[in-house]
């Protein structure tokens, strides 16, 4: 029995809930995946799955085994990565899901640098401000801003990024200054579709202010463009805001009111051990982003 192959098939079936989908993901036949799981069950002398015609679920022993198997596969991937780093250049394709604005700015710079160092690596950037479905979209790693990561995913924290409330100087001249978060309800706010309440901190207390305005979009880039044209006020992560704050095209409102800091995570499915090229890319990002990113101050 190829134990690594058997462990891989088991973890894949556990996460997809299907022998057929696991076979598709692994590019194996369903018969082969079934045989792998059967061999593993025979070797461990336990039943790993409850099987019905409609679904496949882990047994209680299977749930315990899942954690150990994932750890073993990650260790195997680490050994492969270490071996390749000594005598072999990185080769392969990485599918990365990322928010649009972040992908166009900070991430793109690192992708360009990484592929320059490793010319046989191909990176596919799947950019969207919605959370990608890692299994269905065959994503190797997703970059997400979140306070906590969904269950079933493994995550590595890359850095924290502050946010800022911004507008053009022209907007302030025409509509007046904003001195408290509550005053935002009287202004035209440019809203991301997933963020209809803007968050602020008062001590340890989180306050969410309902905002409204003439433009709501699922792309922060559109909102930035509207803000630059003086259309309203926008709530931005500082990786997007800082270039415009630095150039003076936007100004920061409420600079003395703290906003929650969001962590940026590299997340991937616990079902799959990381290929060496994926592990190397995440390690590269960690090396490049050694400090958290704060809002630009004059």
Protein backbone atom coordinates (compact mmCIF):
# COMPACT_ATOMS: atom_id res chain seq x y z
CA UNK A 1 0.00 0.00 0.00
CA UNK A 2 1.18 3.48 -0.89
CA UNK A 3 0.44 5.07 2.48
CA UNK A 4 0.87 8.67 1.33
CA UNK A 5 -1.51 8.11 -1.59
CA UNK A 6 -4.00 6.40 0.73
CA UNK A 7 -3.85 9.26 3.25
CA UNK A 8 -4.28 11.80 0.46
CA UNK A 9 -7.35 10.03 -0.90
CA UNK A 10 -8.86 9.74 2.57
CA UNK A 11 -8.42 13.45 3.35
CA UNK A 12 -9.78 14.41 -0.06
CA UNK A 13 -12.91 12.29 0.36
CA UNK A 14 -13.42 13.66 3.87
CA UNK A 15 -13.38 17.25 2.68
CA UNK A 16 -15.38 16.85 -0.50
CA UNK A 17 -17.86 14.37 1.01
CA UNK A 18 -17.72 12.34 -2.17
CA UNK A 19 -15.53 9.62 -3.65
CA UNK A 20 -16.36 10.88 -7.13
CA UNK A 21 -15.39 14.50 -6.42
CA UNK A 22 -12.25 13.38 -4.60
CA UNK A 23 -11.25 11.32 -7.64
CA UNK A 24 -11.78 14.35 -9.89
CA UNK A 25 -9.68 16.58 -7.64
CA UNK A 26 -6.87 14.04 -7.47
CA UNK A 27 -7.18 13.12 -11.16
CA UNK A 28 -7.58 9.47 -10.26
CA UNK A 29 -10.32 6.96 -10.99
CA UNK A 30 -13.09 6.52 -8.45
CA UNK A 31 -12.09 2.87 -8.14
CA UNK A 32 -8.54 3.87 -7.23
CA UNK A 33 -9.67 6.32 -4.55
CA UNK A 34 -12.08 3.74 -3.11
CA UNK A 35 -9.29 1.17 -2.99
CA UNK A 36 -6.99 3.64 -1.21
CA UNK A 37 -9.58 4.24 1.51
CA UNK A 38 -10.32 0.54 1.89
CA UNK A 39 -6.61 -0.24 2.25
CA UNK A 40 -6.26 2.48 4.87
CA UNK A 41 -9.26 1.15 6.80
CA UNK A 42 -7.81 -2.35 6.68
CA UNK A 43 -4.39 -1.15 7.83
CA UNK A 44 -5.81 0.91 10.72
CA UNK A 45 -8.51 -1.67 11.47
CA UNK A 46 -11.22 1.01 11.77
CA UNK A 47 -14.10 2.24 9.65
CA UNK A 48 -13.40 5.78 8.46
CA UNK A 49 -16.65 6.70 6.70
CA UNK A 50 -20.38 6.23 6.93
CA UNK A 51 -21.44 5.56 3.34
CA UNK A 52 -24.94 6.00 1.93
CA UNK A 53 -26.17 6.43 -1.62
CA UNK A 54 -26.52 10.17 -1.01
CA UNK A 55 -23.50 11.19 1.07
CA UNK A 56 -20.27 10.19 2.73
CA UNK A 57 -19.49 11.36 6.27
CA UNK A 58 -16.69 10.67 8.72
CA UNK A 59 -17.16 8.22 11.57
CA UNK A 60 -16.00 9.30 15.03
CA UNK A 61 -12.67 7.44 14.60
CA UNK A 62 -12.44 8.93 11.11
CA UNK A 63 -12.69 12.44 12.54
CA UNK A 64 -9.83 11.68 14.92
CA UNK A 65 -7.74 10.23 12.10
CA UNK A 66 -8.39 13.24 9.88
CA UNK A 67 -6.33 15.58 12.07
CA UNK A 68 -3.41 13.16 12.23
CA UNK A 69 -3.50 12.42 8.51
CA UNK A 70 -3.51 16.10 7.61
CA UNK A 71 -0.52 16.69 9.87
CA UNK A 72 1.36 13.81 8.23
CA UNK A 73 0.63 15.12 4.72
CA UNK A 74 1.83 18.60 5.66
CA UNK A 75 5.04 17.11 7.02
CA UNK A 76 5.52 15.16 3.78
CA UNK A 77 4.99 18.35 1.79
CA UNK A 78 7.54 20.11 3.99
CA UNK A 79 10.11 17.40 3.31
CA UNK A 80 9.49 17.68 -0.43
CA UNK A 81 9.83 21.45 -0.27
CA UNK A 82 13.09 21.19 1.68
CA UNK A 83 14.55 18.63 -0.73
CA UNK A 84 13.58 20.65 -3.80
CA UNK A 85 15.03 23.84 -2.35
CA UNK A 86 18.48 22.23 -2.30
CA UNK A 87 18.78 20.90 -5.81
CA UNK A 88 15.76 21.86 -7.88
CA UNK A 89 14.16 25.10 -8.98
CA UNK A 90 10.49 25.65 -8.31
CA UNK A 91 8.13 24.53 -11.05
CA UNK A 92 4.36 24.55 -11.18
CA UNK A 93 1.16 26.55 -11.23
CA UNK A 94 -0.50 28.32 -8.30
CA UNK A 95 -4.13 29.43 -8.35
CA UNK A 96 -4.56 32.31 -5.91
CA UNK A 97 -7.86 33.92 -4.93
CA UNK A 98 -7.56 37.52 -3.74
CA UNK A 99 -9.64 40.65 -3.26
CA UNK A 100 -9.51 42.82 -6.39
CA UNK A 101 -7.88 45.93 -4.97
CA UNK A 102 -5.32 43.98 -2.97
CA UNK A 103 -4.48 41.82 -5.97
CA UNK A 104 -3.94 44.86 -8.18
CA UNK A 105 -1.60 46.53 -5.71
CA UNK A 106 0.38 44.86 -2.94
CA UNK A 107 -0.05 41.29 -4.12
CA UNK A 108 0.81 41.97 -7.75
CA UNK A 109 4.15 43.47 -6.71
CA UNK A 110 5.03 40.28 -4.86
CA UNK A 111 3.80 38.03 -7.67
CA UNK A 112 6.03 39.89 -10.09
CA UNK A 113 9.01 39.54 -7.77
CA UNK A 114 8.37 35.85 -7.06
CA UNK A 115 7.98 34.85 -10.72
CA UNK A 116 11.11 36.81 -11.61
CA UNK A 117 13.02 34.64 -9.14
CA UNK A 118 11.28 31.46 -10.27
CA UNK A 119 10.61 31.76 -14.01
CA UNK A 120 9.11 28.25 -14.27
CA UNK A 121 6.28 29.14 -11.87
CA UNK A 122 2.94 30.24 -13.34
CA UNK A 123 0.55 32.15 -11.08
CA UNK A 124 -3.14 32.49 -11.83
CA UNK A 125 -4.75 35.37 -9.95
CA UNK A 126 -8.48 34.89 -9.42
CA UNK A 127 -9.55 38.35 -8.29
CA UNK A 128 -12.94 38.96 -6.70
CA UNK A 129 -14.26 40.71 -3.62
CA UNK A 130 -16.34 37.64 -2.75
CA UNK A 131 -14.84 34.65 -1.00
CA UNK A 132 -13.85 32.01 -3.53
CA UNK A 133 -15.00 28.40 -3.14
CA UNK A 134 -11.65 26.67 -2.70
CA UNK A 135 -12.78 23.21 -3.78
CA UNK A 136 -15.07 24.13 -6.66
CA UNK A 137 -12.67 26.72 -8.08
CA UNK A 138 -9.55 24.60 -7.47
CA UNK A 139 -7.88 27.35 -5.45
CA UNK A 140 -4.49 26.53 -3.95
CA UNK A 141 -4.46 29.47 -1.57
CA UNK A 142 -6.84 32.35 -0.89
CA UNK A 143 -5.86 35.67 0.64
CA UNK A 144 -8.62 36.96 2.89
CA UNK A 145 -9.17 39.82 5.31
CA UNK A 146 -10.91 38.43 8.36
CA UNK A 147 -11.01 38.51 12.13
CA UNK A 148 -11.16 34.73 12.17
CA UNK A 149 -10.92 31.96 9.60
CA UNK A 150 -13.74 29.58 8.67
CA UNK A 151 -13.71 26.13 10.20
CA UNK A 152 -12.29 23.50 7.90
CA UNK A 153 -9.53 25.80 6.63
CA UNK A 154 -5.92 26.08 7.61
CA UNK A 155 -4.60 29.63 7.78
CA UNK A 156 -1.36 31.51 8.15
CA UNK A 157 -1.52 35.13 9.22
CA UNK A 158 0.46 37.31 6.82
CA UNK A 159 -0.01 40.76 8.36
CA UNK A 160 -2.54 43.22 9.76
CA UNK A 161 -3.81 46.13 7.70
CA UNK A 162 -5.41 49.29 9.10
CA UNK A 163 -8.31 51.09 7.43
CA UNK A 164 -9.15 54.74 6.86
CA UNK A 165 -12.23 56.85 6.13
CA UNK A 166 -11.34 59.03 3.15
CA UNK A 167 -12.68 61.61 0.74
CA UNK A 168 -11.37 64.33 -1.54
CA UNK A 169 -10.57 67.82 -0.24
CA UNK A 170 -13.21 69.13 -2.64
CA UNK A 171 -15.88 67.04 -0.95
CA UNK A 172 -15.04 68.59 2.44
CA UNK A 173 -15.17 72.09 0.96
CA UNK A 174 -18.61 71.45 -0.47
CA UNK A 175 -20.17 69.36 2.31
CA UNK A 176 -18.26 70.15 5.49
CA UNK A 177 -15.92 68.32 7.83
CA UNK A 178 -16.84 65.12 9.70
CA UNK A 179 -15.95 65.22 13.39
CA UNK A 180 -17.71 62.09 14.72
CA UNK A 181 -18.58 58.70 13.18
CA UNK A 182 -22.28 59.40 13.76
CA UNK A 183 -22.11 62.40 11.42
CA UNK A 184 -21.43 60.02 8.53
CA UNK A 185 -25.16 59.28 8.44
CA UNK A 186 -25.62 62.85 7.12
CA UNK A 187 -23.12 62.41 4.26
CA UNK A 188 -22.99 60.65 0.94
CA UNK A 189 -21.06 57.46 1.61
CA UNK A 190 -19.66 55.22 -1.11
CA UNK A 191 -20.40 51.72 0.09
CA UNK A 192 -19.02 48.29 -0.61
CA UNK A 193 -21.92 45.88 -0.95
CA UNK A 194 -20.63 43.75 1.94
CA UNK A 195 -20.05 46.69 4.29
CA UNK A 196 -23.24 48.69 4.83
CA UNK A 197 -22.24 49.50 8.40
CA UNK A 198 -18.84 51.05 9.09
CA UNK A 199 -17.00 49.95 12.23
CA UNK A 200 -15.24 52.17 14.76
CA UNK A 201 -13.71 51.62 18.18
CA UNK A 202 -14.43 53.58 21.35
CA UNK A 203 -12.06 52.08 23.89
CA UNK A 204 -12.78 48.38 23.68
CA UNK A 205 -16.31 48.94 22.41
CA UNK A 206 -17.09 48.33 18.74
CA UNK A 207 -19.58 50.71 17.16
CA UNK A 208 -21.20 50.06 13.78
CA UNK A 209 -22.57 53.13 12.01
CA UNK A 210 -25.21 52.55 9.30
CA UNK A 211 -24.26 54.50 6.17
CA UNK A 212 -25.97 55.23 2.88
CA UNK A 213 -25.19 57.03 -0.34
CA UNK A 214 -25.49 57.30 -4.08
CA UNK A 215 -23.15 54.43 -4.98
CA UNK A 216 -22.88 50.85 -3.79
CA UNK A 217 -20.51 48.43 -5.53
CA UNK A 218 -18.77 45.10 -5.10
CA UNK A 219 -15.44 46.56 -6.27
CA UNK A 220 -13.48 48.94 -4.07
CA UNK A 221 -11.70 50.30 -7.13
CA UNK A 222 -14.96 51.81 -8.39
CA UNK A 223 -15.55 53.42 -5.00
CA UNK A 224 -12.04 54.87 -4.95
CA UNK A 225 -12.58 56.41 -8.37
CA UNK A 226 -15.84 57.99 -7.21
CA UNK A 227 -14.15 59.36 -4.09
CA UNK A 228 -11.34 60.86 -6.17
CA UNK A 229 -14.01 62.64 -8.23
CA UNK A 230 -15.48 64.18 -5.08
CA UNK A 231 -18.63 62.03 -5.07
CA UNK A 232 -18.50 61.03 -1.41
CA UNK A 233 -16.77 59.34 1.50
CA UNK A 234 -15.23 55.86 1.33
CA UNK A 235 -13.98 53.34 3.94
CA UNK A 236 -10.78 51.77 2.62
CA UNK A 237 -8.07 49.35 3.69
CA UNK A 238 -4.87 51.33 3.80
CA UNK A 239 -3.16 49.30 1.09
CA UNK A 240 -5.61 51.03 -1.27
CA UNK A 241 -5.85 54.35 0.53
CA UNK A 242 -2.17 55.09 1.23
CA UNK A 243 -1.03 56.04 -2.31
CA UNK A 244 -3.87 58.58 -2.57
CA UNK A 245 -3.31 59.89 0.96
CA UNK A 246 0.37 60.29 0.21
CA UNK A 247 -0.29 62.18 -3.04
CA UNK A 248 -2.98 64.35 -1.44
CA UNK A 249 -5.69 63.15 -3.81
CA UNK A 250 -7.60 61.89 -0.76
CA UNK A 251 -7.60 63.09 2.83
CA UNK A 252 -8.27 61.03 5.94
CA UNK A 253 -11.37 61.84 7.95
CA UNK A 254 -11.64 61.04 11.66
CA UNK A 255 -7.89 60.38 12.02
CA UNK A 256 -8.16 60.25 15.82
CA UNK A 257 -10.97 57.68 15.85
CA UNK A 258 -9.53 54.14 15.77
CA UNK A 259 -10.91 51.63 13.28
CA UNK A 260 -10.71 47.86 13.69
CA UNK A 261 -7.55 46.34 12.27
CA UNK A 262 -8.13 43.43 9.91
CA UNK A 263 -5.73 40.53 9.59
CA UNK A 264 -4.72 39.23 6.18
CA UNK A 265 -4.65 35.43 6.04
CA UNK A 266 -3.39 32.91 3.56
CA UNK A 267 -5.99 30.15 3.76
CA UNK A 268 -6.18 26.75 2.18
CA UNK A 269 -8.16 23.58 2.60
CA UNK A 270 -7.17 21.15 5.30
CA UNK A 271 -7.93 18.43 2.75
CA UNK A 272 -4.80 19.05 0.70
CA UNK A 273 -1.18 19.08 1.70
CA UNK A 274 0.64 22.01 0.19
CA UNK A 275 2.70 21.44 -2.91
CA UNK A 276 6.24 22.76 -2.55
CA UNK A 277 5.63 25.66 -4.93
CA UNK A 278 2.58 26.80 -2.92
CA UNK A 279 4.40 26.52 0.38
CA UNK A 280 7.34 28.46 -1.07
CA UNK A 281 5.06 31.28 -2.26
CA UNK A 282 3.40 31.68 1.14
CA UNK A 283 6.81 31.64 2.84
CA UNK A 284 7.94 34.30 0.37
CA UNK A 285 4.98 36.54 1.25
CA UNK A 286 5.70 36.14 4.95
CA UNK A 287 9.28 37.17 4.33
CA UNK A 288 8.25 40.24 2.34
CA UNK A 289 5.48 41.37 4.69
CA UNK A 290 7.30 41.27 8.00
CA UNK A 291 5.50 44.35 9.35
CA UNK A 292 1.85 45.29 9.64
CA UNK A 293 0.62 48.02 7.31
CA UNK A 294 -0.60 51.27 8.85
CA UNK A 295 -2.40 54.28 7.43
CA UNK A 296 -0.11 56.87 5.84
CA UNK A 297 0.42 59.93 8.04
CA UNK A 298 1.70 63.28 6.80
